[in-house]
N, C-alpha and C. Protein backbone atom coordinates (compact mmCIF):
# COMPACT_ATOMS: atom_id res chain seq x y z
N MET A 1 0.95 -0.96 0.22
CA MET A 1 0.23 -0.34 -0.14
C MET A 1 0.97 1.04 0.23
N PHE A 2 0.56 2.14 -1.16
CA PHE A 2 1.15 3.48 -0.64
C PHE A 2 1.00 3.98 0.05
N GLU A 3 1.76 5.00 0.21
CA GLU A 3 1.87 6.02 2.15
C GLU A 3 2.06 7.17 1.05
N ILE A 4 0.99 8.21 1.51
CA ILE A 4 1.42 9.24 1.47
C ILE A 4 2.52 10.32 2.26
N PRO A 5 3.78 11.00 1.97
CA PRO A 5 4.18 11.39 3.01
C PRO A 5 3.95 12.71 3.27
N PRO A 6 4.43 13.01 4.74
CA PRO A 6 3.67 14.18 5.31
C PRO A 6 3.52 15.45 4.81
N ILE A 7 2.25 16.05 4.42
CA ILE A 7 2.53 17.57 3.74
C ILE A 7 2.62 18.68 4.90
N PRO A 8 3.32 19.52 4.64
CA PRO A 8 2.73 20.67 5.20
C PRO A 8 1.16 21.16 5.82
N ASP A 9 1.07 21.88 7.32
CA ASP A 9 -0.03 22.15 7.28
C ASP A 9 -0.64 23.41 6.96
N LYS A 10 -0.73 23.48 5.83
CA LYS A 10 -1.16 25.04 5.56
C LYS A 10 -2.50 24.90 4.59
N GLU A 11 -2.93 26.20 4.66
CA GLU A 11 -4.60 26.25 4.05
C GLU A 11 -4.37 26.00 2.41
N TYR A 12 -3.48 26.47 2.25
CA TYR A 12 -3.24 26.07 0.13
C TYR A 12 -1.82 25.98 0.07
N PHE A 13 -1.53 25.77 -1.45
CA PHE A 13 -0.40 25.41 -1.39
C PHE A 13 -0.63 25.93 -2.86
N THR A 14 0.86 26.72 -3.90
CA THR A 14 0.68 26.82 -5.71
C THR A 14 1.42 26.23 -6.12
N ILE A 15 1.44 25.61 -7.11
CA ILE A 15 1.46 24.73 -7.98
C ILE A 15 3.16 24.39 -8.06
N GLY A 16 4.03 25.22 -7.71
CA GLY A 16 5.22 25.14 -7.62
C GLY A 16 5.95 24.13 -6.26
N GLU A 17 4.91 24.82 -5.30
CA GLU A 17 5.42 23.62 -3.79
C GLU A 17 4.51 22.52 -4.16
N VAL A 18 3.67 22.40 -4.68
CA VAL A 18 2.59 21.09 -5.48
C VAL A 18 4.00 20.06 -6.03
N SER A 19 4.74 20.97 -6.88
CA SER A 19 5.37 20.10 -7.91
C SER A 19 6.74 19.41 -6.96
N ARG A 20 6.82 20.51 -5.69
CA ARG A 20 8.55 20.00 -5.03
C ARG A 20 8.04 19.02 -4.33
N ILE A 21 6.68 19.45 -3.43
CA ILE A 21 6.22 18.10 -2.30
C ILE A 21 6.11 16.80 -3.06
N THR A 22 5.09 16.72 -3.98
CA THR A 22 4.91 15.54 -5.13
C THR A 22 6.26 14.73 -5.99
N GLN A 23 6.67 16.08 -6.32
CA GLN A 23 7.91 15.65 -7.08
C GLN A 23 7.40 15.67 -8.99
N VAL A 24 6.37 15.99 -8.88
CA VAL A 24 5.70 16.19 -9.90
C VAL A 24 5.83 16.99 -10.61
N PRO A 25 6.11 17.77 -12.01
CA PRO A 25 6.59 18.62 -12.85
C PRO A 25 5.39 19.68 -12.77
N GLN A 26 5.41 20.86 -12.86
CA GLN A 26 4.67 21.76 -12.95
C GLN A 26 3.47 21.54 -14.52
N TYR A 27 4.08 21.15 -15.28
CA TYR A 27 3.26 20.89 -16.74
C TYR A 27 2.62 19.51 -16.97
N THR A 28 2.90 18.80 -15.75
CA THR A 28 1.99 17.51 -15.87
C THR A 28 1.21 17.72 -14.86
N LEU A 29 1.37 18.46 -13.65
CA LEU A 29 0.01 18.76 -12.95
C LEU A 29 -0.98 19.29 -13.68
N ARG A 30 -0.57 20.34 -14.69
CA ARG A 30 -1.46 21.20 -15.58
C ARG A 30 -2.19 20.43 -16.56
N TYR A 31 -1.74 19.31 -16.62
CA TYR A 31 -2.38 18.15 -17.77
C TYR A 31 -2.94 17.65 -17.04
N TRP A 32 -2.99 17.05 -15.90
CA TRP A 32 -3.76 16.20 -15.02
C TRP A 32 -4.58 16.78 -14.76
N GLU A 33 -4.70 18.05 -14.26
CA GLU A 33 -5.81 19.08 -14.18
C GLU A 33 -7.05 18.96 -15.62
N ASN A 34 -6.48 19.13 -16.46
CA ASN A 34 -6.98 18.80 -17.91
C ASN A 34 -7.82 17.42 -17.96
N GLU A 35 -7.07 16.19 -17.41
CA GLU A 35 -7.40 14.99 -17.78
C GLU A 35 -8.69 14.12 -16.39
N PHE A 36 -8.00 14.99 -15.01
CA PHE A 36 -9.08 14.35 -14.21
C PHE A 36 -9.92 15.66 -13.60
N LYS A 37 -11.26 15.26 -13.78
CA LYS A 37 -12.11 16.01 -13.22
C LYS A 37 -11.97 16.67 -11.77
N LEU A 38 -10.62 15.17 -11.00
CA LEU A 38 -11.54 15.55 -9.49
C LEU A 38 -9.93 16.58 -8.97
N LEU A 39 -9.54 17.05 -9.63
CA LEU A 39 -8.40 17.83 -9.76
C LEU A 39 -8.47 18.98 -10.28
N ARG A 40 -9.38 19.72 -9.50
CA ARG A 40 -9.45 21.46 -9.97
C ARG A 40 -8.98 22.70 -8.91
N PRO A 41 -7.70 22.59 -8.39
CA PRO A 41 -7.20 23.54 -7.85
C PRO A 41 -8.22 24.87 -7.39
N VAL A 42 -8.65 25.72 -7.11
CA VAL A 42 -9.18 27.28 -6.50
C VAL A 42 -8.33 28.13 -7.71
N ARG A 43 -8.80 28.50 -8.31
CA ARG A 43 -8.29 30.17 -8.61
C ARG A 43 -8.14 31.35 -8.27
N LYS A 44 -7.15 31.84 -7.99
CA LYS A 44 -7.42 33.55 -7.33
C LYS A 44 -7.47 34.33 -8.41
N SER A 45 -7.48 35.86 -7.94
CA SER A 45 -8.50 36.58 -9.14
C SER A 45 -6.90 36.61 -9.96
N SER A 46 -6.17 36.47 -9.33
CA SER A 46 -4.97 36.70 -10.47
C SER A 46 -4.51 35.64 -11.56
N GLY A 47 -5.54 34.53 -11.54
CA GLY A 47 -5.06 33.22 -12.32
C GLY A 47 -4.55 32.45 -11.45
N GLN A 48 -3.27 32.93 -10.13
CA GLN A 48 -3.19 31.78 -9.71
C GLN A 48 -3.57 30.54 -8.73
N ARG A 49 -2.57 29.48 -9.41
CA ARG A 49 -4.07 27.99 -8.82
C ARG A 49 -3.45 27.68 -7.25
N ARG A 50 -4.74 27.53 -6.32
CA ARG A 50 -4.68 27.04 -5.18
C ARG A 50 -5.37 25.87 -4.95
N TYR A 51 -3.80 24.96 -4.33
CA TYR A 51 -4.07 23.31 -4.21
C TYR A 51 -4.55 23.45 -2.18
N HIS A 52 -5.44 22.58 -2.46
CA HIS A 52 -6.04 22.43 -1.08
C HIS A 52 -5.06 20.84 -0.52
N LYS A 53 -5.13 21.07 0.72
CA LYS A 53 -4.41 19.36 1.00
C LYS A 53 -5.32 18.11 0.43
N GLU A 54 -6.25 18.28 0.29
CA GLU A 54 -6.98 17.37 -0.36
C GLU A 54 -6.30 17.12 -1.84
N ASP A 55 -6.53 18.56 -2.98
CA ASP A 55 -5.36 17.90 -4.08
C ASP A 55 -4.16 17.76 -3.87
N VAL A 56 -3.33 17.72 -2.82
CA VAL A 56 -1.83 17.04 -2.82
C VAL A 56 -2.23 15.67 -2.64
N GLU A 57 -3.11 15.03 -1.86
CA GLU A 57 -3.24 13.97 -1.36
C GLU A 57 -3.86 13.15 -3.05
N LEU A 58 -4.47 13.97 -3.80
CA LEU A 58 -5.15 13.50 -5.08
C LEU A 58 -3.86 13.33 -6.03
N VAL A 59 -2.96 13.99 -6.18
CA VAL A 59 -1.79 13.98 -6.65
C VAL A 59 -0.77 12.66 -6.18
N PHE A 60 -1.10 13.14 -5.35
CA PHE A 60 0.14 11.27 -4.55
C PHE A 60 -0.96 10.11 -5.46
N LYS A 61 -2.12 10.76 -5.00
CA LYS A 61 -3.07 9.13 -5.43
C LYS A 61 -2.71 8.84 -7.13
N ILE A 62 -3.29 9.59 -7.68
CA ILE A 62 -2.35 9.44 -9.04
C ILE A 62 -1.31 8.92 -9.76
N LYS A 63 -0.37 10.16 -9.03
CA LYS A 63 1.08 9.51 -9.06
C LYS A 63 1.06 7.90 -9.17
N ASP A 64 0.90 7.23 -7.89
CA ASP A 64 0.83 6.27 -7.10
C ASP A 64 0.20 5.42 -8.49
N LEU A 65 -1.15 5.71 -9.06
CA LEU A 65 -1.71 4.79 -10.14
C LEU A 65 -1.04 4.51 -11.39
N LEU A 66 -0.29 5.79 -11.45
CA LEU A 66 0.27 5.82 -13.04
C LEU A 66 1.75 5.39 -13.22
N TYR A 67 2.36 5.58 -12.50
CA TYR A 67 3.56 5.30 -11.97
C TYR A 67 4.01 4.16 -11.47
N ASN A 68 3.40 3.91 -10.39
CA ASN A 68 3.86 2.69 -9.58
C ASN A 68 2.75 1.37 -10.15
N LYS A 69 1.33 1.36 -10.09
CA LYS A 69 0.53 0.35 -10.00
C LYS A 69 0.46 0.18 -12.14
N ARG A 70 1.16 1.76 -12.42
CA ARG A 70 0.89 1.04 -13.78
C ARG A 70 -0.35 0.99 -14.55
N TYR A 71 -1.16 1.54 -14.19
CA TYR A 71 -2.60 2.41 -14.83
C TYR A 71 -2.77 3.13 -16.26
N THR A 72 -3.29 3.09 -16.81
CA THR A 72 -3.24 4.09 -17.90
C THR A 72 -4.46 5.54 -16.92
N ILE A 73 -4.37 6.51 -18.47
CA ILE A 73 -4.98 7.98 -17.93
C ILE A 73 -6.51 6.99 -17.57
N GLU A 74 -7.11 6.32 -18.89
CA GLU A 74 -8.12 6.19 -18.68
C GLU A 74 -8.82 5.21 -17.17
N GLY A 75 -7.70 4.33 -16.83
CA GLY A 75 -7.85 3.59 -15.85
C GLY A 75 -7.76 4.17 -14.49
N VAL A 76 -7.46 5.33 -14.48
CA VAL A 76 -7.15 6.07 -13.37
C VAL A 76 -8.39 6.80 -12.71
N LYS A 77 -8.83 7.28 -14.11
CA LYS A 77 -10.37 7.25 -14.43
C LYS A 77 -11.57 6.59 -13.92
N LYS A 78 -11.69 5.95 -14.04
CA LYS A 78 -12.44 4.88 -13.85
C LYS A 78 -12.33 4.40 -12.69
N TYR A 79 -10.57 4.56 -11.50
CA TYR A 79 -10.50 3.49 -10.56
C TYR A 79 -11.25 4.76 -9.74
N LEU A 80 -10.99 6.32 -9.99
CA LEU A 80 -11.26 7.69 -9.21
C LEU A 80 -12.93 7.55 -9.50
N VAL A 81 -13.30 7.77 -10.28
CA VAL A 81 -14.74 7.56 -10.12
C VAL A 81 -15.42 6.57 -9.46
N GLY A 82 -15.19 5.33 -9.64
CA GLY A 82 -15.61 4.16 -8.62
C GLY A 82 -15.13 4.18 -7.09
N GLY A 83 -14.06 4.93 -6.77
CA GLY A 83 -14.11 5.42 -5.32
C GLY A 83 -15.09 6.38 -4.60
N ARG A 84 -15.76 7.85 -5.55
CA ARG A 84 -16.44 8.50 -5.46
C ARG A 84 -17.96 7.50 -5.33
N LYS A 85 -18.22 6.18 -6.15
CA LYS A 85 -19.14 6.30 -6.47
C LYS A 85 -19.68 5.30 -5.12
N LYS A 86 -18.52 4.96 -4.39
CA LYS A 86 -18.35 3.96 -3.13
C LYS A 86 -18.51 4.64 -2.08
N LYS A 87 -18.21 5.52 -2.13
CA LYS A 87 -18.32 6.46 -1.06
C LYS A 87 -20.22 6.98 -1.10
N LEU A 88 -20.48 6.71 -2.37
CA LEU A 88 -21.89 7.72 -2.45
C LEU A 88 -22.71 6.39 -1.71
N ILE A 89 -22.24 5.16 -1.99
CA ILE A 89 -23.05 4.12 -2.05
C ILE A 89 -23.11 3.79 -0.14
N ASP A 90 -21.67 3.60 0.29
CA ASP A 90 -21.31 4.02 1.80
C ASP A 90 -22.72 4.96 2.59
N LEU A 91 -22.75 6.40 2.17
CA LEU A 91 -23.34 7.17 2.44
C LEU A 91 -24.89 7.31 2.58
N GLN A 92 -25.37 6.63 1.48
CA GLN A 92 -26.43 6.19 1.41
C GLN A 92 -26.78 4.71 2.45
N THR A 93 -25.88 4.04 2.75
CA THR A 93 -25.87 2.90 3.89
C THR A 93 -26.41 3.60 4.85
N ASP A 94 -25.41 4.10 5.30
CA ASP A 94 -25.53 5.04 6.82
C ASP A 94 -26.92 5.74 6.98
N LEU A 95 -27.41 6.48 5.37
CA LEU A 95 -28.08 7.29 5.77
C LEU A 95 -29.59 6.69 6.19
N ASN A 96 -29.69 5.14 5.27
CA ASN A 96 -30.83 4.45 5.28
C ASN A 96 -30.72 4.06 6.87
N PHE A 97 -29.83 3.62 7.44
CA PHE A 97 -29.64 3.15 8.74
C PHE A 97 -30.23 4.00 9.61
N ASP A 98 -30.29 5.72 9.93
CA ASP A 98 -30.01 6.52 10.47
C ASP A 98 -31.85 6.97 10.01
N ILE A 99 -32.04 7.29 8.91
CA ILE A 99 -33.50 7.26 8.85
C ILE A 99 -34.66 6.33 9.82
N GLU A 100 -34.49 5.17 9.60
CA GLU A 100 -35.13 3.94 9.66
C GLU A 100 -35.61 4.31 11.52
N HIS A 101 -34.24 4.97 11.92
CA HIS A 101 -33.86 4.87 13.60
C HIS A 101 -34.73 6.26 14.19
N LEU A 102 -34.69 6.86 13.54
CA LEU A 102 -35.16 7.95 14.13
C LEU A 102 -36.60 8.67 14.99
N PRO A 103 -36.51 9.09 15.80
CA PRO A 103 -37.51 9.11 16.86
C PRO A 103 -38.84 10.08 16.06
N ASP A 104 -40.10 10.05 16.05
CA ASP A 104 -41.32 9.86 15.68
C ASP A 104 -42.26 11.46 16.13
N SER A 105 -40.99 12.75 15.80
CA SER A 105 -42.00 13.80 15.98
C SER A 105 -42.42 14.50 14.50
N LYS A 106 -43.10 15.78 14.46
CA LYS A 106 -43.70 15.93 13.46
C LYS A 106 -42.53 16.40 12.91
N PHE A 107 -41.32 17.15 12.95
CA PHE A 107 -40.29 18.18 12.53
C PHE A 107 -39.60 17.18 11.97
N LEU A 108 -39.19 15.74 13.06
CA LEU A 108 -38.55 15.14 12.44
C LEU A 108 -38.71 14.00 11.47
N ARG A 109 -39.94 13.72 12.02
CA ARG A 109 -40.84 13.39 10.33
C ARG A 109 -40.62 13.41 8.52
N GLU A 110 -40.66 15.09 8.64
CA GLU A 110 -40.25 16.31 7.59
C GLU A 110 -39.23 15.34 7.18
N ILE A 111 -38.15 15.92 8.15
CA ILE A 111 -37.16 15.65 7.13
C ILE A 111 -36.68 14.36 7.14
N LYS A 112 -37.07 13.21 7.79
CA LYS A 112 -36.74 11.59 7.36
C LYS A 112 -37.44 11.47 5.74
N GLU A 113 -38.41 12.53 5.85
CA GLU A 113 -39.02 12.30 4.16
C GLU A 113 -38.16 13.25 3.06
N GLU A 114 -37.93 14.45 3.41
CA GLU A 114 -37.10 14.88 2.36
C GLU A 114 -35.81 14.26 2.91
N LEU A 115 -35.06 13.36 3.46
CA LEU A 115 -33.74 12.61 3.68
C LEU A 115 -34.32 10.81 2.40
N LYS A 116 -35.21 10.87 2.36
CA LYS A 116 -35.82 9.95 1.46
C LYS A 116 -36.26 9.95 0.37
N GLN A 117 -36.33 10.78 -0.05
CA GLN A 117 -36.39 12.08 -1.67
C GLN A 117 -35.20 12.27 -1.84
N ILE A 118 -34.18 12.66 -1.04
CA ILE A 118 -33.03 12.68 -1.77
C ILE A 118 -32.28 11.50 -1.89
N LEU A 119 -32.34 10.62 -1.27
CA LEU A 119 -31.62 9.50 -1.41
C LEU A 119 -32.41 8.38 -2.81
N LYS A 120 -33.57 8.69 -3.40
CA LYS A 120 -34.18 8.16 -4.16
C LYS A 120 -33.58 9.14 -5.39
N LEU A 121 -33.07 9.83 -5.27
CA LEU A 121 -32.23 11.25 -6.41
C LEU A 121 -30.65 10.65 -6.55
N LEU A 122 -30.70 10.58 -5.45
CA LEU A 122 -29.02 9.55 -5.51
C LEU A 122 -28.90 8.69 -6.32
N LYS A 123 -30.15 7.58 -6.18
CA LYS A 123 -29.95 6.54 -7.07
C LYS A 123 -30.36 6.34 -7.95
N LYS A 124 -30.40 7.11 -8.06
CA LYS A 124 -30.97 7.34 -9.58
C LYS A 124 -29.10 7.83 -10.64
């Protein structure tokens, strides 16, 4: 299992900092932003990229999948999307459990119904 090295505790990182931390060239990071929809750093008004810690962790994950596990770009896309779907299914499972065990007051019944409607939308 690939372990992510320690990432400095900062609010955001520039592309140069992410490049140094991950040992991935800046031009590769820019390319990955075009290829992977999950890697979308926020842009300042000046246009400079602001990567959050989660973005840096995602860069490490993409790097591991491409270089160590030898996935293709398409394979990494499918892997990342599959991971998001699994998290969504886990969330739905947790919500189903909680919804069924909520006490019955008028306010909570309304919330329960809204949550059931949300779950129906998520399952589509």
